[in-house]
Amino acid sequence: MLSGEERDPLTDAWPALDVETAYAIQDEALRIRQERGETLIGVKLGLTSRAKQQRMGIDSPLLAWLTDAMVLPAGVAVPSLIHPRAEPELVFVMGQRLSGPGVTSATALAAVERVHGGVEIIDSRYRDYRFALPDVVADNGSSAYFTLGPVGAEPASLDLSLEAALLEVDGAIVDTATGAAVQGYPAEALALAANALGARGLALEAGWIVLTGGMTDAVDVRPGSRVAAHFSHLGSITLAGS
């Protein structure tokens, strides 16, 4: 899964592949990353919008790991990938350890130190982005890179449901959304992450970064193109395709 080459979905060859086994594959890929020197720095949620969940036939997001090798500094061109796409996200930086079960949106938000805007670069290993849920879980949620925006705000200073993002490609606004697109309220996504990890005997650790899921549909990052996300209160991020 770490070859960097596109392939057919795993479920084409193993139709009985289930989500539990897919998470075991994801964890093994993380172990390999750590063996080659990467550091675990957080998690991402995927499929947090109701529309995406309906398309996949599920009712809850997926989780995937973030490492320091996935951080793309502002101003650095998106590296050459298979078929990169970008999506704006609200990003939490944890101030306290958060562990399920029983985490609510209120208790989850109380553990957050600050909120950033962000852009995630996803890049599925599967041809034409064709996959079933176990495939994308095993592929670590199509994770490639992410960039944090320049503004870090205290959670209490924002209305997360109304925080808006405008997605721009080559100077044209192509999509807009608010935080309500993320599981109804971004802190709900954070609580789901804490509870899902708690069921596996894990937790969100202090200092970790949590990407809460795409606010809009993802857009292609083509060579020479410029993709920007503009947030109401969290600044702007501009990325260039290589």
Protein backbone atom coordinates (compact mmCIF):
# COMPACT_ATOMS: atom_id res chain seq x y z
CA MET A 1 0.00 0.00 0.00
CA LEU A 2 3.06 2.29 0.20
CA SER A 3 4.35 1.79 -3.34
CA GLY A 4 2.97 5.05 -4.71
CA GLU A 5 1.51 3.25 -7.72
CA GLU A 6 -2.14 3.06 -8.70
CA ARG A 7 -3.91 -0.27 -8.58
CA ASP A 8 -7.30 -1.92 -8.75
CA PRO A 9 -9.37 -1.94 -5.54
CA LEU A 10 -8.48 -4.64 -3.04
CA THR A 11 -12.11 -5.75 -3.00
CA ASP A 12 -11.85 -6.72 -6.66
CA ALA A 13 -9.54 -9.54 -5.62
CA TRP A 14 -10.86 -10.00 -2.07
CA PRO A 15 -14.60 -9.20 -2.13
CA ALA A 16 -14.98 -10.45 1.46
CA LEU A 17 -12.59 -7.80 2.80
CA ASP A 18 -14.29 -6.15 5.77
CA VAL A 19 -13.73 -2.82 7.49
CA GLU A 20 -12.13 -4.36 10.60
CA THR A 21 -9.50 -6.06 8.47
CA ALA A 22 -9.05 -2.87 6.45
CA TYR A 23 -8.21 -0.97 9.64
CA ALA A 24 -5.64 -3.66 10.46
CA ILE A 25 -4.07 -3.03 7.03
CA GLN A 26 -4.11 0.71 7.75
CA ASP A 27 -2.36 0.15 11.09
CA GLU A 28 0.28 -2.02 9.45
CA ALA A 29 0.95 0.71 6.88
CA LEU A 30 1.40 3.16 9.76
CA ARG A 31 3.88 0.80 11.40
CA ILE A 32 5.90 0.72 8.18
CA ARG A 33 5.84 4.52 7.99
CA GLN A 34 7.06 4.77 11.56
CA GLU A 35 9.83 2.25 10.90
CA ARG A 36 11.13 4.47 8.11
CA GLY A 37 11.19 7.49 10.42
CA GLU A 38 7.76 9.14 10.26
CA THR A 39 6.08 10.37 13.45
CA LEU A 40 2.39 9.97 14.21
CA ILE A 41 0.90 13.46 14.71
CA GLY A 42 -2.86 12.96 14.54
CA VAL A 43 -5.83 11.62 12.64
CA LYS A 44 -8.17 12.60 9.86
CA LEU A 45 -11.81 11.88 9.35
CA GLY A 46 -13.17 11.05 5.95
CA LEU A 47 -16.70 10.89 4.56
CA THR A 48 -18.03 13.31 7.19
CA SER A 49 -20.57 14.94 4.91
CA ARG A 50 -24.02 13.39 4.75
CA ALA A 51 -23.93 13.42 0.95
CA LYS A 52 -20.66 11.45 0.82
CA GLN A 53 -21.92 8.95 3.39
CA GLN A 54 -25.06 8.37 1.35
CA ARG A 55 -22.97 7.77 -1.78
CA MET A 56 -20.90 5.17 0.10
CA GLY A 57 -23.91 3.62 1.85
CA ILE A 58 -22.63 4.31 5.37
CA ASP A 59 -23.80 6.38 8.36
CA SER A 60 -20.50 7.21 10.07
CA PRO A 61 -17.13 8.65 8.98
CA LEU A 62 -13.90 6.74 8.58
CA LEU A 63 -10.63 7.42 10.41
CA ALA A 64 -7.06 7.48 9.12
CA TRP A 65 -3.62 8.36 10.44
CA LEU A 66 -1.59 11.54 9.92
CA THR A 67 2.20 11.63 10.10
CA ASP A 68 4.72 14.47 9.96
CA ALA A 69 5.62 13.45 6.39
CA MET A 70 2.13 14.52 5.30
CA VAL A 71 2.59 18.17 6.36
CA LEU A 72 2.86 20.42 3.29
CA PRO A 73 4.19 23.86 4.26
CA ALA A 74 2.40 26.88 2.86
CA GLY A 75 3.91 28.03 -0.40
CA VAL A 76 5.32 24.62 -1.35
CA ALA A 77 3.93 23.12 -4.56
CA VAL A 78 1.90 19.95 -4.26
CA PRO A 79 4.30 17.07 -5.03
CA SER A 80 3.73 14.86 -8.04
CA LEU A 81 1.07 12.32 -7.15
CA ILE A 82 -1.24 9.87 -8.94
CA HIS A 83 -4.37 12.04 -9.18
CA PRO A 84 -4.34 14.64 -6.36
CA ARG A 85 -7.45 16.44 -5.24
CA ALA A 86 -7.87 19.25 -2.70
CA GLU A 87 -10.62 19.99 -0.19
CA PRO A 88 -10.99 22.66 2.53
CA GLU A 89 -11.35 21.47 6.11
CA LEU A 90 -11.67 22.73 9.65
CA VAL A 91 -8.73 21.46 11.69
CA PHE A 92 -8.49 21.00 15.46
CA VAL A 93 -5.24 21.06 17.43
CA MET A 94 -5.77 19.15 20.66
CA GLY A 95 -4.87 20.78 23.96
CA GLN A 96 -5.79 17.77 26.08
CA ARG A 97 -5.95 14.02 25.68
CA LEU A 98 -9.41 12.89 24.63
CA SER A 99 -10.59 9.31 24.97
CA GLY A 100 -13.92 7.59 24.45
CA PRO A 101 -16.38 6.13 25.05
CA GLY A 102 -19.02 8.69 25.92
CA VAL A 103 -17.37 11.75 24.40
CA THR A 104 -19.88 14.41 23.34
CA SER A 105 -19.36 17.39 21.07
CA ALA A 106 -19.16 19.64 24.15
CA THR A 107 -16.52 17.57 25.93
CA ALA A 108 -14.63 17.15 22.67
CA LEU A 109 -14.53 20.87 21.99
CA ALA A 110 -13.38 21.57 25.54
CA ALA A 111 -10.24 19.51 24.81
CA VAL A 112 -9.32 21.62 21.75
CA GLU A 113 -6.58 24.24 22.01
CA ARG A 114 -7.19 25.99 18.69
CA VAL A 115 -8.95 25.73 15.35
CA HIS A 116 -7.36 26.31 11.94
CA GLY A 117 -8.57 26.29 8.40
CA GLY A 118 -6.78 23.71 6.31
CA VAL A 119 -6.55 22.11 2.90
CA GLU A 120 -6.13 18.37 2.58
CA ILE A 121 -4.61 16.81 -0.53
CA ILE A 122 -6.10 13.39 -1.08
CA ASP A 123 -4.73 10.89 -3.57
CA SER A 124 -6.39 7.50 -3.84
CA ARG A 125 -4.22 4.61 -4.94
CA TYR A 126 -7.18 3.17 -6.83
CA ARG A 127 -7.70 3.86 -10.51
CA ASP A 128 -10.36 6.48 -11.21
CA TYR A 129 -11.09 6.84 -7.47
CA ARG A 130 -13.11 3.62 -7.70
CA PHE A 131 -13.34 1.89 -4.33
CA ALA A 132 -15.59 0.40 -1.68
CA LEU A 133 -15.39 1.44 1.98
CA PRO A 134 -12.87 -1.27 3.01
CA ASP A 135 -10.60 -0.19 0.13
CA VAL A 136 -10.42 3.45 1.20
CA VAL A 137 -9.95 2.51 4.87
CA ALA A 138 -7.03 0.25 3.94
CA ASP A 139 -5.62 3.10 1.85
CA ASN A 140 -5.52 5.31 4.97
CA GLY A 141 -8.44 7.39 3.79
CA SER A 142 -6.68 8.46 0.56
CA SER A 143 -4.36 10.61 2.69
CA ALA A 144 -1.46 12.37 0.99
CA TYR A 145 -0.72 15.85 2.40
CA PHE A 146 -2.30 18.71 4.29
CA THR A 147 -1.59 22.39 4.84
CA LEU A 148 -2.68 24.37 7.90
CA GLY A 149 -3.93 27.91 7.49
CA PRO A 150 -2.20 30.90 9.10
CA VAL A 151 -4.82 31.68 11.75
CA GLY A 152 -5.30 29.64 14.91
CA ALA A 153 -8.41 30.64 16.86
CA GLU A 154 -9.83 29.58 20.21
CA PRO A 155 -12.88 27.37 19.63
CA ALA A 156 -15.10 29.61 21.74
CA SER A 157 -14.37 32.55 19.44
CA LEU A 158 -16.00 30.87 16.42
CA ASP A 159 -19.38 29.57 15.41
CA LEU A 160 -18.04 26.38 13.87
CA SER A 161 -21.32 25.54 12.14
CA LEU A 162 -21.30 28.88 10.32
CA GLU A 163 -17.56 29.16 9.60
CA ALA A 164 -17.52 29.26 5.81
CA ALA A 165 -15.01 28.20 3.19
CA LEU A 166 -14.84 29.31 -0.43
CA LEU A 167 -12.94 26.97 -2.73
CA GLU A 168 -11.24 28.67 -5.67
CA VAL A 169 -9.51 27.14 -8.69
CA ASP A 170 -7.47 29.40 -10.97
CA GLY A 171 -9.29 32.48 -9.74
CA ALA A 172 -12.85 31.14 -10.03
CA ILE A 173 -14.99 30.18 -7.03
CA VAL A 174 -16.07 26.59 -7.65
CA ASP A 175 -17.70 25.63 -4.34
CA THR A 176 -18.69 26.96 -0.94
CA ALA A 177 -19.71 25.37 2.34
CA THR A 178 -19.94 25.96 6.07
CA GLY A 179 -18.86 23.86 9.01
CA ALA A 180 -22.37 22.43 9.20
CA ALA A 181 -21.40 20.25 6.22
CA VAL A 182 -19.10 18.30 8.56
CA GLN A 183 -21.29 15.82 10.41
CA GLY A 184 -23.75 18.64 11.13
CA TYR A 185 -21.24 20.29 13.49
CA PRO A 186 -17.43 19.78 13.35
CA ALA A 187 -17.18 18.99 17.06
CA GLU A 188 -19.50 16.03 16.44
CA ALA A 189 -16.88 14.66 14.06
CA LEU A 190 -14.23 15.15 16.74
CA ALA A 191 -16.34 13.28 19.29
CA LEU A 192 -16.89 10.45 16.82
CA ALA A 193 -13.12 10.18 16.32
CA ALA A 194 -12.48 10.02 20.07
CA ASN A 195 -15.16 7.39 20.59
CA ALA A 196 -14.04 5.28 17.63
CA LEU A 197 -10.44 5.33 18.84
CA GLY A 198 -11.61 4.56 22.38
CA ALA A 199 -13.31 1.41 21.10
CA ARG A 200 -9.86 0.34 19.87
CA GLY A 201 -8.15 1.20 23.17
CA LEU A 202 -6.67 4.40 21.71
CA ALA A 203 -7.16 8.13 22.21
CA LEU A 204 -6.63 11.53 20.66
CA GLU A 205 -3.43 12.77 22.27
CA ALA A 206 -2.59 16.30 23.39
CA GLY A 207 -0.87 18.15 20.56
CA TRP A 208 -2.40 15.99 17.86
CA ILE A 209 -3.91 17.46 14.73
CA VAL A 210 -7.39 16.35 13.70
CA LEU A 211 -8.65 17.00 10.17
CA THR A 212 -12.43 16.91 10.44
CA GLY A 213 -13.29 16.12 6.81
CA GLY A 214 -13.90 17.93 3.56
CA MET A 215 -16.38 20.80 3.74
CA THR A 216 -16.88 20.72 -0.04
CA ASP A 217 -16.30 18.13 -2.71
CA ALA A 218 -12.63 17.75 -3.60
CA VAL A 219 -11.27 19.38 -6.78
CA ASP A 220 -8.46 18.18 -9.03
CA VAL A 221 -5.03 19.72 -8.51
CA ARG A 222 -3.65 19.85 -12.04
CA PRO A 223 -0.08 20.76 -13.00
CA GLY A 224 0.23 24.54 -13.12
CA SER A 225 -3.16 25.17 -11.49
CA ARG A 226 -3.74 27.15 -8.31
CA VAL A 227 -6.22 26.06 -5.67
CA ALA A 228 -7.18 28.35 -2.79
CA ALA A 229 -9.44 28.03 0.24
CA HIS A 230 -10.72 31.20 1.89
CA PHE A 231 -12.26 30.93 5.36
CA SER A 232 -14.50 33.46 7.11
CA HIS A 233 -12.22 33.99 10.11
CA LEU A 234 -9.33 31.56 9.61
CA GLY A 235 -7.45 33.11 6.70
CA SER A 236 -6.62 31.76 3.27
CA ILE A 237 -4.47 28.96 1.88
CA THR A 238 -3.21 28.80 -1.70
CA LEU A 239 -1.62 25.71 -3.24
CA ALA A 240 -0.07 25.23 -6.65
CA GLY A 241 -0.02 22.05 -8.70
CA SER A 242 3.44 20.84 -9.70
